[in-house]
Amino acid sequence: MSDNESKPAAKKKKASLTTQRRNARSFALQALYSWTLAGQSLTDLEAQFRVDNDMADTDIKLFSELLHNIAASKSELDGLYSDFLDRQLEDLDPVELNVLRIGAYELSKRIEVPYRVAINESVELAKTFGATDSHRYVNGVLDKLAQRVRMAEIREKRQG
């Protein structure tokens, strides 16, 4: 067979579940950021993201869950970590605010996600999308929140 003849396309390896979830969190953060600034309908925003982005390696179900459930419970989530902030919610950068919401949601509602994973994934989002040291701030706030909402899990890890 010559180089010019077509060969069967190589089958693309499916992304790991970790990668799919990481991509879902990343897209959810971007969509929540847009929602925070523009107030667009979540359904329209989700449809726009699905059309405008290659989401083949994304956990679409998690993306949708994060987008809709975080928006629906933003006041509850903000209340979970507000005691640990050194400023008012309105003074937080929209990226930091939504990273904290994602972390608070995963710590409080997605118990199957280990607390260290929830914190680490939020810190990575802050490193990627946030201001220079926002990941440190996010880490500190979510670490304190984890001690409140995941105390049994933390104790078990320490004794483990």
Protein backbone atom coordinates (compact mmCIF):
# COMPACT_ATOMS: atom_id res chain seq x y z
CA MET A 1 0.00 0.00 0.00
CA SER A 2 1.43 3.38 -0.94
CA ASP A 3 1.49 6.39 1.39
CA ASN A 4 -1.24 8.04 -0.69
CA GLU A 5 -3.73 5.23 -0.17
CA SER A 6 -6.02 5.70 2.77
CA LYS A 7 -5.43 3.56 5.80
CA PRO A 8 -8.19 2.87 8.27
CA ALA A 9 -8.38 5.70 10.75
CA ALA A 10 -6.73 4.85 14.02
CA LYS A 11 -9.30 4.45 16.72
CA LYS A 12 -8.94 7.23 19.28
CA LYS A 13 -8.32 5.93 22.76
CA LYS A 14 -11.12 6.83 25.13
CA ALA A 15 -10.12 9.33 27.80
CA SER A 16 -9.85 8.06 31.36
CA LEU A 17 -12.71 8.70 33.76
CA THR A 18 -10.43 11.09 35.67
CA THR A 19 -9.81 13.10 32.48
CA GLN A 20 -13.49 13.08 31.56
CA ARG A 21 -14.44 14.38 35.01
CA ARG A 22 -11.67 16.98 34.99
CA ASN A 23 -12.92 18.23 31.61
CA ALA A 24 -16.49 18.33 32.95
CA ARG A 25 -15.38 20.49 35.89
CA SER A 26 -13.44 22.78 33.57
CA PHE A 27 -16.38 23.30 31.22
CA ALA A 28 -18.75 23.70 34.19
CA LEU A 29 -16.51 26.42 35.63
CA GLN A 30 -16.45 28.26 32.32
CA ALA A 31 -20.22 27.96 31.94
CA LEU A 32 -20.85 29.06 35.54
CA TYR A 33 -18.53 32.02 34.99
CA SER A 34 -20.56 33.03 31.93
CA TRP A 35 -23.79 32.52 33.86
CA THR A 36 -22.51 34.65 36.75
CA LEU A 37 -21.56 37.52 34.45
CA ALA A 38 -24.37 37.38 31.87
CA GLY A 39 -27.21 35.62 33.69
CA GLN A 40 -28.02 33.58 30.58
CA SER A 41 -30.47 30.68 30.87
CA LEU A 42 -28.69 27.53 32.03
CA THR A 43 -30.36 25.42 29.37
CA ASP A 44 -29.22 27.80 26.62
CA LEU A 45 -25.75 28.00 28.14
CA GLU A 46 -25.42 24.22 28.32
CA ALA A 47 -26.58 23.84 24.71
CA GLN A 48 -24.13 26.53 23.60
CA PHE A 49 -21.23 24.79 25.38
CA ARG A 50 -22.13 21.44 23.82
CA VAL A 51 -22.16 22.98 20.34
CA ASP A 52 -19.13 25.25 20.71
CA ASN A 53 -16.76 22.79 22.41
CA ASP A 54 -15.42 19.34 21.64
CA MET A 55 -16.85 17.45 24.59
CA ALA A 56 -15.97 13.97 23.34
CA ASP A 57 -13.60 13.45 26.28
CA THR A 58 -15.96 14.97 28.84
CA ASP A 59 -18.32 13.43 31.38
CA ILE A 60 -21.39 15.21 30.00
CA LYS A 61 -23.60 13.99 32.83
CA LEU A 62 -21.26 15.51 35.43
CA PHE A 63 -20.97 18.74 33.44
CA SER A 64 -24.76 19.09 33.39
CA GLU A 65 -25.09 18.11 37.07
CA LEU A 66 -22.51 20.67 38.17
CA LEU A 67 -23.92 23.46 36.03
CA HIS A 68 -27.56 23.06 37.02
CA ASN A 69 -27.19 21.96 40.65
CA ILE A 70 -24.58 24.56 41.57
CA ALA A 71 -26.67 27.33 40.05
CA ALA A 72 -29.79 26.04 41.83
CA SER A 73 -28.07 25.81 45.22
CA LYS A 74 -25.62 28.72 45.01
CA SER A 75 -26.92 30.41 48.19
CA GLU A 76 -26.65 27.17 50.15
CA LEU A 77 -23.15 26.52 48.82
CA ASP A 78 -22.02 30.10 49.49
CA GLY A 79 -23.29 29.69 53.05
CA LEU A 80 -21.13 26.59 53.57
CA TYR A 81 -17.83 28.41 53.11
CA SER A 82 -18.68 32.05 53.86
CA ASP A 83 -17.37 31.71 57.45
CA PHE A 84 -13.93 30.93 56.03
CA LEU A 85 -13.66 33.94 53.71
CA ASP A 86 -11.57 36.98 54.53
CA ARG A 87 -13.83 39.21 52.41
CA GLN A 88 -17.43 39.51 51.33
CA LEU A 89 -18.81 37.18 48.65
CA GLU A 90 -19.39 40.15 46.33
CA ASP A 91 -15.69 40.96 46.54
CA LEU A 92 -14.58 37.56 45.26
CA ASP A 93 -13.38 37.26 41.70
CA PRO A 94 -16.07 35.40 39.65
CA VAL A 95 -13.57 32.63 38.86
CA GLU A 96 -12.68 32.12 42.54
CA LEU A 97 -16.34 32.27 43.52
CA ASN A 98 -17.35 29.56 41.06
CA VAL A 99 -14.33 27.38 41.86
CA LEU A 100 -15.35 27.57 45.52
CA ARG A 101 -18.92 26.65 44.57
CA ILE A 102 -17.71 23.62 42.62
CA GLY A 103 -15.52 22.53 45.53
CA ALA A 104 -18.28 23.11 48.09
CA TYR A 105 -20.75 21.19 45.92
CA GLU A 106 -18.43 18.22 45.57
CA LEU A 107 -17.56 18.22 49.28
CA SER A 108 -21.18 18.45 50.41
CA LYS A 109 -23.18 16.65 47.71
CA ARG A 110 -20.84 14.21 45.97
CA ILE A 111 -19.75 12.14 48.95
CA GLU A 112 -18.37 9.44 46.64
CA VAL A 113 -15.63 11.88 45.64
CA PRO A 114 -12.82 11.73 48.24
CA TYR A 115 -12.41 15.09 49.97
CA ARG A 116 -8.78 15.38 48.85
CA VAL A 117 -9.83 14.88 45.22
CA ALA A 118 -12.58 17.51 45.53
CA ILE A 119 -10.11 20.02 46.97
CA ASN A 120 -7.33 19.17 44.52
CA GLU A 121 -9.58 19.43 41.47
CA SER A 122 -10.76 22.87 42.61
CA VAL A 123 -7.20 23.99 43.26
CA GLU A 124 -6.23 22.87 39.74
CA LEU A 125 -9.15 24.85 38.28
CA ALA A 126 -7.99 27.92 40.20
CA LYS A 127 -4.43 27.43 38.92
CA THR A 128 -5.69 27.19 35.34
CA PHE A 129 -8.35 29.90 35.30
CA GLY A 130 -7.79 32.07 38.38
CA ALA A 131 -5.49 34.87 39.38
CA THR A 132 -1.88 34.15 40.35
CA ASP A 133 -2.36 32.97 43.93
CA SER A 134 -6.07 32.19 43.90
CA HIS A 135 -5.33 28.47 44.14
CA ARG A 136 -3.85 29.03 47.61
CA TYR A 137 -6.93 30.90 48.72
CA VAL A 138 -9.25 28.22 47.31
CA ASN A 139 -7.18 25.50 48.98
CA GLY A 140 -7.37 27.21 52.39
CA VAL A 141 -11.12 27.81 52.24
CA LEU A 142 -12.00 24.32 50.99
CA ASP A 143 -9.66 22.66 53.47
CA LYS A 144 -11.55 24.35 56.32
CA LEU A 145 -14.87 23.42 54.75
CA ALA A 146 -13.79 19.79 54.39
CA GLN A 147 -12.99 19.69 58.10
CA ARG A 148 -16.56 20.76 58.77
CA VAL A 149 -18.48 18.62 56.25
CA ARG A 150 -16.19 15.60 55.90
CA MET A 151 -14.82 15.22 59.45
CA ALA A 152 -15.52 11.46 59.64
CA GLU A 153 -13.66 10.84 56.37
CA ILE A 154 -10.72 12.99 57.48
CA ARG A 155 -10.48 11.21 60.84
CA GLU A 156 -10.55 7.83 59.12
CA LYS A 157 -7.71 8.89 56.79
CA ARG A 158 -5.61 10.10 59.72
CA GLN A 159 -6.13 6.89 61.68
CA GLY A 160 -5.83 4.75 58.59
